[in-house]
Amino acid sequence: GYQTAMSGKWHVSNTNGQKNPQDQLDWLNHQKDFGD
């Protein structure tokens, strides 16, 4: 019966990185969006 909430760093799920290194950098740099 508890209400549950989280704020902050999750870091316990597989990371969906991009195969193309430049695509990955563009995603990290907030220049492209690759979804989840």
PDB file of all heavy atoms in Angstrom:
ATOM      1  N   GLY A   1       0.777  -1.233   0.000  1.00  0.00           N
ATOM      2  CA  GLY A   1       0.000   0.000   0.000  1.00  0.00           C
ATOM      3  C   GLY A   1       0.805   1.277   0.000  1.00  0.00           C
ATOM      4  O   GLY A   1       0.253   2.359   0.207  1.00  0.00           O
ATOM      5  N   TYR A   2       2.103   1.187  -0.242  1.00  0.00           N
ATOM      6  CA  TYR A   2       2.935   2.387  -0.283  1.00  0.00           C
ATOM      7  C   TYR A   2       2.850   3.071  -1.643  1.00  0.00           C
ATOM      8  O   TYR A   2       2.765   2.407  -2.685  1.00  0.00           O
ATOM      9  CB  TYR A   2       4.398   2.032  -0.006  1.00  0.00           C
ATOM     10  CG  TYR A   2       4.759   2.032   1.461  1.00  0.00           C
ATOM     11  CD1 TYR A   2       4.243   1.084   2.339  1.00  0.00           C
ATOM     12  CD2 TYR A   2       5.622   2.994   1.976  1.00  0.00           C
ATOM     13  CE1 TYR A   2       4.570   1.085   3.683  1.00  0.00           C
ATOM     14  CE2 TYR A   2       5.967   3.000   3.327  1.00  0.00           C
ATOM     15  CZ  TYR A   2       5.427   2.051   4.171  1.00  0.00           C
ATOM     16  OH  TYR A   2       5.761   2.061   5.502  1.00  0.00           O
ATOM     17  N   GLN A   3       2.866   4.398  -1.626  1.00  0.00           N
ATOM     18  CA  GLN A   3       3.090   5.175  -2.832  1.00  0.00           C
ATOM     19  C   GLN A   3       4.595   5.183  -3.079  1.00  0.00           C
ATOM     20  O   GLN A   3       5.380   5.244  -2.127  1.00  0.00           O
ATOM     21  CB  GLN A   3       2.567   6.601  -2.635  1.00  0.00           C
ATOM     22  CG  GLN A   3       1.088   6.646  -2.266  1.00  0.00           C
ATOM     23  CD  GLN A   3       0.657   8.020  -1.813  1.00  0.00           C
ATOM     24  OE1 GLN A   3       0.170   8.814  -2.607  1.00  0.00           O
ATOM     25  NE2 GLN A   3       0.842   8.312  -0.514  1.00  0.00           N
ATOM     26  N   THR A   4       5.018   5.146  -4.331  1.00  0.00           N
ATOM     27  CA  THR A   4       6.446   4.984  -4.625  1.00  0.00           C
ATOM     28  C   THR A   4       6.905   6.022  -5.650  1.00  0.00           C
ATOM     29  O   THR A   4       6.211   6.278  -6.632  1.00  0.00           O
ATOM     30  CB  THR A   4       6.742   3.576  -5.166  1.00  0.00           C
ATOM     31  OG1 THR A   4       5.979   3.353  -6.355  1.00  0.00           O
ATOM     32  CG2 THR A   4       6.393   2.512  -4.134  1.00  0.00           C
ATOM     33  N   ALA A   5       8.059   6.583  -5.424  1.00  0.00           N
ATOM     34  CA  ALA A   5       8.598   7.585  -6.339  1.00  0.00           C
ATOM     35  C   ALA A   5      10.114   7.553  -6.294  1.00  0.00           C
ATOM     36  O   ALA A   5      10.716   7.175  -5.294  1.00  0.00           O
ATOM     37  CB  ALA A   5       8.098   8.981  -5.960  1.00  0.00           C
ATOM     38  N   MET A   6      10.705   7.966  -7.403  1.00  0.00           N
ATOM     39  CA  MET A   6      12.161   8.035  -7.481  1.00  0.00           C
ATOM     40  C   MET A   6      12.567   9.320  -8.178  1.00  0.00           C
ATOM     41  O   MET A   6      11.951   9.745  -9.149  1.00  0.00           O
ATOM     42  CB  MET A   6      12.724   6.831  -8.243  1.00  0.00           C
ATOM     43  CG  MET A   6      14.236   6.904  -8.400  1.00  0.00           C
ATOM     44  SD  MET A   6      14.950   5.544  -9.341  1.00  0.00           S
ATOM     45  CE  MET A   6      16.635   6.166  -9.521  1.00  0.00           C
ATOM     46  N   SER A   7      13.667   9.906  -7.696  1.00  0.00           N
ATOM     47  CA  SER A   7      14.267  11.072  -8.325  1.00  0.00           C
ATOM     48  C   SER A   7      15.767  10.842  -8.402  1.00  0.00           C
ATOM     49  O   SER A   7      16.398  10.554  -7.385  1.00  0.00           O
ATOM     50  CB  SER A   7      13.947  12.328  -7.502  1.00  0.00           C
ATOM     51  OG  SER A   7      14.542  13.474  -8.062  1.00  0.00           O
ATOM     52  N   GLY A   8      16.331  10.943  -9.602  1.00  0.00           N
ATOM     53  CA  GLY A   8      17.782  10.834  -9.717  1.00  0.00           C
ATOM     54  C   GLY A   8      18.265   9.788 -10.694  1.00  0.00           C
ATOM     55  O   GLY A   8      17.644   9.521 -11.725  1.00  0.00           O
ATOM     56  N   LYS A   9      19.386   9.173 -10.337  1.00  0.00           N
ATOM     57  CA  LYS A   9      20.138   8.285 -11.233  1.00  0.00           C
ATOM     58  C   LYS A   9      19.638   6.847 -11.142  1.00  0.00           C
ATOM     59  O   LYS A   9      19.671   6.243 -10.075  1.00  0.00           O
ATOM     60  CB  LYS A   9      21.626   8.366 -10.862  1.00  0.00           C
ATOM     61  CG  LYS A   9      22.546   7.421 -11.620  1.00  0.00           C
ATOM     62  CD  LYS A   9      23.989   7.710 -11.235  1.00  0.00           C
ATOM     63  CE  LYS A   9      24.961   6.689 -11.821  1.00  0.00           C
ATOM     64  NZ  LYS A   9      26.367   7.031 -11.529  1.00  0.00           N
ATOM     65  N   TRP A  10      19.225   6.270 -12.267  1.00  0.00           N
ATOM     66  CA  TRP A  10      18.739   4.893 -12.326  1.00  0.00           C
ATOM     67  C   TRP A  10      19.906   3.932 -12.519  1.00  0.00           C
ATOM     68  O   TRP A  10      20.292   3.211 -11.625  1.00  0.00           O
ATOM     69  CB  TRP A  10      17.730   4.764 -13.458  1.00  0.00           C
ATOM     70  CG  TRP A  10      17.083   3.426 -13.637  1.00  0.00           C
ATOM     71  CD1 TRP A  10      17.042   2.681 -14.792  1.00  0.00           C
ATOM     72  CD2 TRP A  10      16.327   2.672 -12.668  1.00  0.00           C
ATOM     73  NE1 TRP A  10      16.330   1.518 -14.595  1.00  0.00           N
ATOM     74  CE2 TRP A  10      15.885   1.492 -13.302  1.00  0.00           C
ATOM     75  CE3 TRP A  10      16.010   2.873 -11.327  1.00  0.00           C
ATOM     76  CZ2 TRP A  10      15.132   0.518 -12.634  1.00  0.00           C
ATOM     77  CZ3 TRP A  10      15.246   1.914 -10.662  1.00  0.00           C
ATOM     78  CH2 TRP A  10      14.823   0.755 -11.316  1.00  0.00           C
ATOM     79  N   HIS A  11      20.475   3.876 -13.716  1.00  0.00           N
ATOM     80  CA  HIS A  11      21.729   3.159 -13.997  1.00  0.00           C
ATOM     81  C   HIS A  11      21.684   1.665 -13.691  1.00  0.00           C
ATOM     82  O   HIS A  11      22.689   1.073 -13.280  1.00  0.00           O
ATOM     83  CB  HIS A  11      22.894   3.817 -13.231  1.00  0.00           C
ATOM     84  CG  HIS A  11      24.233   3.577 -13.896  1.00  0.00           C
ATOM     85  ND1 HIS A  11      25.426   3.606 -13.215  1.00  0.00           N
ATOM     86  CD2 HIS A  11      24.549   3.290 -15.172  1.00  0.00           C
ATOM     87  CE1 HIS A  11      26.428   3.361 -14.030  1.00  0.00           C
ATOM     88  NE2 HIS A  11      25.924   3.156 -15.242  1.00  0.00           N
ATOM     89  N   VAL A  12      20.523   1.049 -13.874  1.00  0.00           N
ATOM     90  CA  VAL A  12      20.428  -0.408 -13.737  1.00  0.00           C
ATOM     91  C   VAL A  12      19.626  -0.980 -14.905  1.00  0.00           C
ATOM     92  O   VAL A  12      18.854  -1.920 -14.753  1.00  0.00           O
ATOM     93  CB  VAL A  12      19.811  -0.835 -12.379  1.00  0.00           C
ATOM     94  CG1 VAL A  12      20.806  -0.685 -11.254  1.00  0.00           C
ATOM     95  CG2 VAL A  12      18.538  -0.071 -12.067  1.00  0.00           C
ATOM     96  N   SER A  13      19.840  -0.419 -16.097  1.00  0.00           N
ATOM     97  CA  SER A  13      19.180  -0.923 -17.306  1.00  0.00           C
ATOM     98  C   SER A  13      20.186  -0.909 -18.448  1.00  0.00           C
ATOM     99  O   SER A  13      21.168  -0.164 -18.410  1.00  0.00           O
ATOM    100  CB  SER A  13      17.953  -0.056 -17.651  1.00  0.00           C
ATOM    101  OG  SER A  13      18.315   1.303 -17.813  1.00  0.00           O
ATOM    102  N   ASN A  14      19.949  -1.741 -19.442  1.00  0.00           N
ATOM    103  CA  ASN A  14      20.851  -1.791 -20.590  1.00  0.00           C
ATOM    104  C   ASN A  14      20.864  -0.438 -21.308  1.00  0.00           C
ATOM    105  O   ASN A  14      19.828   0.215 -21.448  1.00  0.00           O
ATOM    106  CB  ASN A  14      20.423  -2.876 -21.570  1.00  0.00           C
ATOM    107  CG  ASN A  14      20.549  -4.275 -21.020  1.00  0.00           C
ATOM    108  OD1 ASN A  14      19.714  -5.131 -21.285  1.00  0.00           O
ATOM    109  ND2 ASN A  14      21.589  -4.542 -20.233  1.00  0.00           N
ATOM    110  N   THR A  15      22.022  -0.035 -21.751  1.00  0.00           N
ATOM    111  CA  THR A  15      22.172   1.264 -22.414  1.00  0.00           C
ATOM    112  C   THR A  15      22.040   1.103 -23.923  1.00  0.00           C
ATOM    113  O   THR A  15      22.774   0.337 -24.537  1.00  0.00           O
ATOM    114  CB  THR A  15      23.535   1.878 -22.059  1.00  0.00           C
ATOM    115  OG1 THR A  15      24.543   0.854 -22.107  1.00  0.00           O
ATOM    116  CG2 THR A  15      23.513   2.432 -20.648  1.00  0.00           C
ATOM    117  N   ASN A  16      21.102   1.844 -24.501  1.00  0.00           N
ATOM    118  CA  ASN A  16      20.851   1.779 -25.940  1.00  0.00           C
ATOM    119  C   ASN A  16      21.781   2.727 -26.686  1.00  0.00           C
ATOM    120  O   ASN A  16      21.380   3.803 -27.126  1.00  0.00           O
ATOM    121  CB  ASN A  16      19.394   2.152 -26.253  1.00  0.00           C
ATOM    122  CG  ASN A  16      18.408   1.089 -25.832  1.00  0.00           C
ATOM    123  OD1 ASN A  16      18.790  -0.036 -25.512  1.00  0.00           O
ATOM    124  ND2 ASN A  16      17.129   1.426 -25.825  1.00  0.00           N
ATOM    125  N   GLY A  17      23.040   2.351 -26.829  1.00  0.00           N
ATOM    126  CA  GLY A  17      23.981   3.193 -27.556  1.00  0.00           C
ATOM    127  C   GLY A  17      23.823   3.058 -29.057  1.00  0.00           C
ATOM    128  O   GLY A  17      23.254   2.078 -29.552  1.00  0.00           O
ATOM    129  N   GLN A  18      24.336   4.036 -29.783  1.00  0.00           N
ATOM    130  CA  GLN A  18      24.271   4.028 -31.241  1.00  0.00           C
ATOM    131  C   GLN A  18      25.520   3.365 -31.831  1.00  0.00           C
ATOM    132  O   GLN A  18      26.624   3.550 -31.312  1.00  0.00           O
ATOM    133  CB  GLN A  18      24.140   5.459 -31.766  1.00  0.00           C
ATOM    134  CG  GLN A  18      22.954   6.214 -31.200  1.00  0.00           C
ATOM    135  CD  GLN A  18      21.657   5.458 -31.349  1.00  0.00           C
ATOM    136  OE1 GLN A  18      21.300   5.056 -32.461  1.00  0.00           O
ATOM    137  NE2 GLN A  18      20.954   5.244 -30.240  1.00  0.00           N
ATOM    138  N   LYS A  19      25.342   2.621 -32.894  1.00  0.00           N
ATOM    139  CA  LYS A  19      26.469   1.912 -33.506  1.00  0.00           C
ATOM    140  C   LYS A  19      27.462   2.880 -34.132  1.00  0.00           C
ATOM    141  O   LYS A  19      28.671   2.643 -34.109  1.00  0.00           O
ATOM    142  CB  LYS A  19      25.957   0.925 -34.548  1.00  0.00           C
ATOM    143  CG  LYS A  19      25.173  -0.241 -33.947  1.00  0.00           C
ATOM    144  CD  LYS A  19      24.722  -1.222 -35.016  1.00  0.00           C
ATOM    145  CE  LYS A  19      23.953  -2.382 -34.401  1.00  0.00           C
ATOM    146  NZ  LYS A  19      23.477  -3.345 -35.442  1.00  0.00           N
ATOM    147  N   ASN A  20      26.936   3.958 -34.707  1.00  0.00           N
ATOM    148  CA  ASN A  20      27.804   4.941 -35.337  1.00  0.00           C
ATOM    149  C   ASN A  20      28.312   5.913 -34.266  1.00  0.00           C
ATOM    150  O   ASN A  20      27.515   6.597 -33.613  1.00  0.00           O
ATOM    151  CB  ASN A  20      27.010   5.707 -36.408  1.00  0.00           C
ATOM    152  CG  ASN A  20      27.868   6.713 -37.146  1.00  0.00           C
ATOM    153  OD1 ASN A  20      28.506   7.549 -36.534  1.00  0.00           O
ATOM    154  ND2 ASN A  20      27.868   6.633 -38.467  1.00  0.00           N
ATOM    155  N   PRO A  21      29.639   6.004 -34.050  1.00  0.00           N
ATOM    156  CA  PRO A  21      30.170   6.873 -32.986  1.00  0.00           C
ATOM    157  C   PRO A  21      29.744   8.334 -33.120  1.00  0.00           C
ATOM    158  O   PRO A  21      29.521   9.007 -32.115  1.00  0.00           O
ATOM    159  CB  PRO A  21      31.686   6.719 -33.122  1.00  0.00           C
ATOM    160  CG  PRO A  21      31.875   5.386 -33.774  1.00  0.00           C
ATOM    161  CD  PRO A  21      30.710   5.231 -34.709  1.00  0.00           C
ATOM    162  N   GLN A  22      29.645   8.826 -34.364  1.00  0.00           N
ATOM    163  CA  GLN A  22      29.230  10.221 -34.540  1.00  0.00           C
ATOM    164  C   GLN A  22      27.773  10.412 -34.145  1.00  0.00           C
ATOM    165  O   GLN A  22      27.411  11.435 -33.544  1.00  0.00           O
ATOM    166  CB  GLN A  22      29.443  10.671 -35.989  1.00  0.00           C
ATOM    167  CG  GLN A  22      29.212  12.170 -36.194  1.00  0.00           C
ATOM    168  CD  GLN A  22      30.087  13.033 -35.308  1.00  0.00           C
ATOM    169  OE1 GLN A  22      31.315  12.869 -35.281  1.00  0.00           O
ATOM    170  NE2 GLN A  22      29.475  13.967 -34.561  1.00  0.00           N
ATOM    171  N   ASP A  23      26.929   9.411 -34.469  1.00  0.00           N
ATOM    172  CA  ASP A  23      25.533   9.481 -34.028  1.00  0.00           C
ATOM    173  C   ASP A  23      25.444   9.527 -32.497  1.00  0.00           C
ATOM    174  O   ASP A  23      24.647  10.267 -31.932  1.00  0.00           O
ATOM    175  CB  ASP A  23      24.751   8.276 -34.552  1.00  0.00           C
ATOM    176  CG  ASP A  23      24.380   8.399 -36.024  1.00  0.00           C
ATOM    177  OD1 ASP A  23      24.423   9.532 -36.555  1.00  0.00           O
ATOM    178  OD2 ASP A  23      24.050   7.365 -36.629  1.00  0.00           O
ATOM    179  N   GLN A  24      26.288   8.722 -31.865  1.00  0.00           N
ATOM    180  CA  GLN A  24      26.286   8.706 -30.398  1.00  0.00           C
ATOM    181  C   GLN A  24      26.684  10.068 -29.840  1.00  0.00           C
ATOM    182  O   GLN A  24      26.051  10.588 -28.904  1.00  0.00           O
ATOM    183  CB  GLN A  24      27.229   7.619 -29.877  1.00  0.00           C
ATOM    184  CG  GLN A  24      27.265   7.474 -28.362  1.00  0.00           C
ATOM    185  CD  GLN A  24      25.965   6.964 -27.768  1.00  0.00           C
ATOM    186  OE1 GLN A  24      25.137   6.399 -28.476  1.00  0.00           O
ATOM    187  NE2 GLN A  24      25.769   7.187 -26.483  1.00  0.00           N
ATOM    188  N   LEU A  25      27.720  10.676 -30.407  1.00  0.00           N
ATOM    189  CA  LEU A  25      28.142  11.994 -29.957  1.00  0.00           C
ATOM    190  C   LEU A  25      27.052  13.039 -30.202  1.00  0.00           C
ATOM    191  O   LEU A  25      26.779  13.888 -29.354  1.00  0.00           O
ATOM    192  CB  LEU A  25      29.429  12.410 -30.659  1.00  0.00           C
ATOM    193  CG  LEU A  25      30.725  11.863 -30.077  1.00  0.00           C
ATOM    194  CD1 LEU A  25      31.912  12.241 -30.948  1.00  0.00           C
ATOM    195  CD2 LEU A  25      30.944  12.370 -28.651  1.00  0.00           C
ATOM    196  N   ASP A  26      26.412  12.967 -31.365  1.00  0.00           N
ATOM    197  CA  ASP A  26      25.341  13.922 -31.660  1.00  0.00           C
ATOM    198  C   ASP A  26      24.187  13.772 -30.673  1.00  0.00           C
ATOM    199  O   ASP A  26      23.536  14.767 -30.314  1.00  0.00           O
ATOM    200  CB  ASP A  26      24.834  13.713 -33.095  1.00  0.00           C
ATOM    201  CG  ASP A  26      25.835  14.168 -34.148  1.00  0.00           C
ATOM    202  OD1 ASP A  26      26.758  14.932 -33.793  1.00  0.00           O
ATOM    203  OD2 ASP A  26      25.708  13.750 -35.313  1.00  0.00           O
ATOM    204  N   TRP A  27      23.942  12.551 -30.237  1.00  0.00           N
ATOM    205  CA  TRP A  27      22.884  12.305 -29.243  1.00  0.00           C
ATOM    206  C   TRP A  27      23.300  12.897 -27.889  1.00  0.00           C
ATOM    207  O   TRP A  27      22.537  13.605 -27.238  1.00  0.00           O
ATOM    208  CB  TRP A  27      22.654  10.798 -29.140  1.00  0.00           C
ATOM    209  CG  TRP A  27      21.373  10.371 -28.495  1.00  0.00           C
ATOM    210  CD1 TRP A  27      20.248  11.118 -28.292  1.00  0.00           C
ATOM    211  CD2 TRP A  27      21.077   9.077 -27.982  1.00  0.00           C
ATOM    212  NE1 TRP A  27      19.259  10.366 -27.689  1.00  0.00           N
ATOM    213  CE2 TRP A  27      19.751   9.098 -27.492  1.00  0.00           C
ATOM    214  CE3 TRP A  27      21.791   7.881 -27.896  1.00  0.00           C
ATOM    215  CZ2 TRP A  27      19.129   7.987 -26.910  1.00  0.00           C
ATOM    216  CZ3 TRP A  27      21.183   6.775 -27.335  1.00  0.00           C
ATOM    217  CH2 TRP A  27      19.868   6.825 -26.844  1.00  0.00           C
ATOM    218  N   LEU A  28      24.545  12.622 -27.501  1.00  0.00           N
ATOM    219  CA  LEU A  28      25.054  13.148 -26.232  1.00  0.00           C
ATOM    220  C   LEU A  28      25.087  14.677 -26.230  1.00  0.00           C
ATOM    221  O   LEU A  28      24.877  15.313 -25.197  1.00  0.00           O
ATOM    222  CB  LEU A  28      26.464  12.621 -25.973  1.00  0.00           C
ATOM    223  CG  LEU A  28      26.616  11.121 -25.705  1.00  0.00           C
ATOM    224  CD1 LEU A  28      28.069  10.702 -25.849  1.00  0.00           C
ATOM    225  CD2 LEU A  28      26.105  10.779 -24.309  1.00  0.00           C
ATOM    226  N   ASN A  29      25.346  15.255 -27.402  1.00  0.00           N
ATOM    227  CA  ASN A  29      25.443  16.709 -27.532  1.00  0.00           C
ATOM    228  C   ASN A  29      24.076  17.375 -27.715  1.00  0.00           C
ATOM    229  O   ASN A  29      24.013  18.587 -27.943  1.00  0.00           O
ATOM    230  CB  ASN A  29      26.325  17.072 -28.726  1.00  0.00           C
ATOM    231  CG  ASN A  29      27.756  16.594 -28.579  1.00  0.00           C
ATOM    232  OD1 ASN A  29      28.215  16.273 -27.480  1.00  0.00           O
ATOM    233  ND2 ASN A  29      28.481  16.533 -29.685  1.00  0.00           N
ATOM    234  N   HIS A  30      23.003  16.594 -27.626  1.00  0.00           N
ATOM    235  CA  HIS A  30      21.629  17.098 -27.778  1.00  0.00           C
ATOM    236  C   HIS A  30      21.374  17.645 -29.185  1.00  0.00           C
ATOM    237  O   HIS A  30      20.560  18.560 -29.373  1.00  0.00           O
ATOM    238  CB  HIS A  30      21.328  18.189 -26.740  1.00  0.00           C
ATOM    239  CG  HIS A  30      21.590  17.780 -25.323  1.00  0.00           C
ATOM    240  ND1 HIS A  30      20.813  16.866 -24.651  1.00  0.00           N
ATOM    241  CD2 HIS A  30      22.552  18.167 -24.448  1.00  0.00           C
ATOM    242  CE1 HIS A  30      21.275  16.717 -23.413  1.00  0.00           C
ATOM    243  NE2 HIS A  30      22.337  17.485 -23.273  1.00  0.00           N
ATOM    244  N   GLN A  31      22.059  17.064 -30.169  1.00  0.00           N
ATOM    245  CA  GLN A  31      21.860  17.501 -31.552  1.00  0.00           C
ATOM    246  C   GLN A  31      20.940  16.560 -32.326  1.00  0.00           C
ATOM    247  O   GLN A  31      20.334  16.961 -33.312  1.00  0.00           O
ATOM    248  CB  GLN A  31      23.218  17.588 -32.266  1.00  0.00           C
ATOM    249  CG  GLN A  31      24.213  18.516 -31.584  1.00  0.00           C
ATOM    250  CD  GLN A  31      23.690  19.931 -31.438  1.00  0.00           C
ATOM    251  OE1 GLN A  31      23.205  20.531 -32.397  1.00  0.00           O
ATOM    252  NE2 GLN A  31      23.759  20.456 -30.211  1.00  0.00           N
ATOM    253  N   LYS A  32      20.856  15.312 -31.913  1.00  0.00           N
ATOM    254  CA  LYS A  32      19.983  14.320 -32.541  1.00  0.00           C
ATOM    255  C   LYS A  32      19.210  13.570 -31.463  1.00  0.00           C
ATOM    256  O   LYS A  32      19.625  13.544 -30.298  1.00  0.00           O
ATOM    257  CB  LYS A  32      20.788  13.318 -33.377  1.00  0.00           C
ATOM    258  CG  LYS A  32      21.366  13.892 -34.662  1.00  0.00           C
ATOM    259  CD  LYS A  32      22.077  12.797 -35.473  1.00  0.00           C
ATOM    260  CE  LYS A  32      22.643  13.356 -36.764  1.00  0.00           C
ATOM    261  NZ  LYS A  32      23.370  12.310 -37.564  1.00  0.00           N
ATOM    262  N   ASP A  33      18.106  12.969 -31.860  1.00  0.00           N
ATOM    263  CA  ASP A  33      17.265  12.218 -30.927  1.00  0.00           C
ATOM    264  C   ASP A  33      17.112  10.796 -31.451  1.00  0.00           C
ATOM    265  O   ASP A  33      16.666  10.592 -32.583  1.00  0.00           O
ATOM    266  CB  ASP A  33      15.894  12.905 -30.821  1.00  0.00           C
ATOM    267  CG  ASP A  33      14.967  12.220 -29.839  1.00  0.00           C
ATOM    268  OD1 ASP A  33      15.389  11.234 -29.213  1.00  0.00           O
ATOM    269  OD2 ASP A  33      13.817  12.667 -29.704  1.00  0.00           O
ATOM    270  N   PHE A  34      17.487   9.842 -30.634  1.00  0.00           N
ATOM    271  CA  PHE A  34      17.379   8.438 -31.029  1.00  0.00           C
ATOM    272  C   PHE A  34      16.414   7.662 -30.135  1.00  0.00           C
ATOM    273  O   PHE A  34      16.504   6.442 -30.015  1.00  0.00           O
ATOM    274  CB  PHE A  34      18.764   7.783 -31.042  1.00  0.00           C
ATOM    275  CG  PHE A  34      19.652   8.304 -32.135  1.00  0.00           C
ATOM    276  CD1 PHE A  34      20.599   9.279 -31.866  1.00  0.00           C
ATOM    277  CD2 PHE A  34      19.512   7.857 -33.443  1.00  0.00           C
ATOM    278  CE1 PHE A  34      21.413   9.777 -32.866  1.00  0.00           C
ATOM    279  CE2 PHE A  34      20.325   8.346 -34.457  1.00  0.00           C
ATOM    280  CZ  PHE A  34      21.284   9.319 -34.170  1.00  0.00           C
ATOM    281  N   GLY A  35      15.507   8.373 -29.486  1.00  0.00           N
ATOM    282  CA  GLY A  35      14.436   7.702 -28.749  1.00  0.00           C
ATOM    283  C   GLY A  35      14.838   7.267 -27.357  1.00  0.00           C
ATOM    284  O   GLY A  35      15.604   7.939 -26.664  1.00  0.00           O
ATOM    285  N   ASP A  36      14.314   6.106 -26.959  1.00  0.00           N
ATOM    286  CA  ASP A  36      14.480   5.637 -25.588  1.00  0.00           C
ATOM    287  C   ASP A  36      15.951   5.354 -25.272  1.00  0.00           C
ATOM    288  O   ASP A  36      16.700   4.867 -26.112  1.00  0.00           O
ATOM    289  CB  ASP A  36      13.647   4.378 -25.357  1.00  0.00           C
ATOM    290  CG  ASP A  36      12.167   4.616 -25.605  1.00  0.00           C
ATOM    291  OD1 ASP A  36      11.705   5.737 -25.344  1.00  0.00           O
ATOM    292  OD2 ASP A  36      11.492   3.678 -26.079  1.00  0.00           O
TER     293      ASP A  36
END
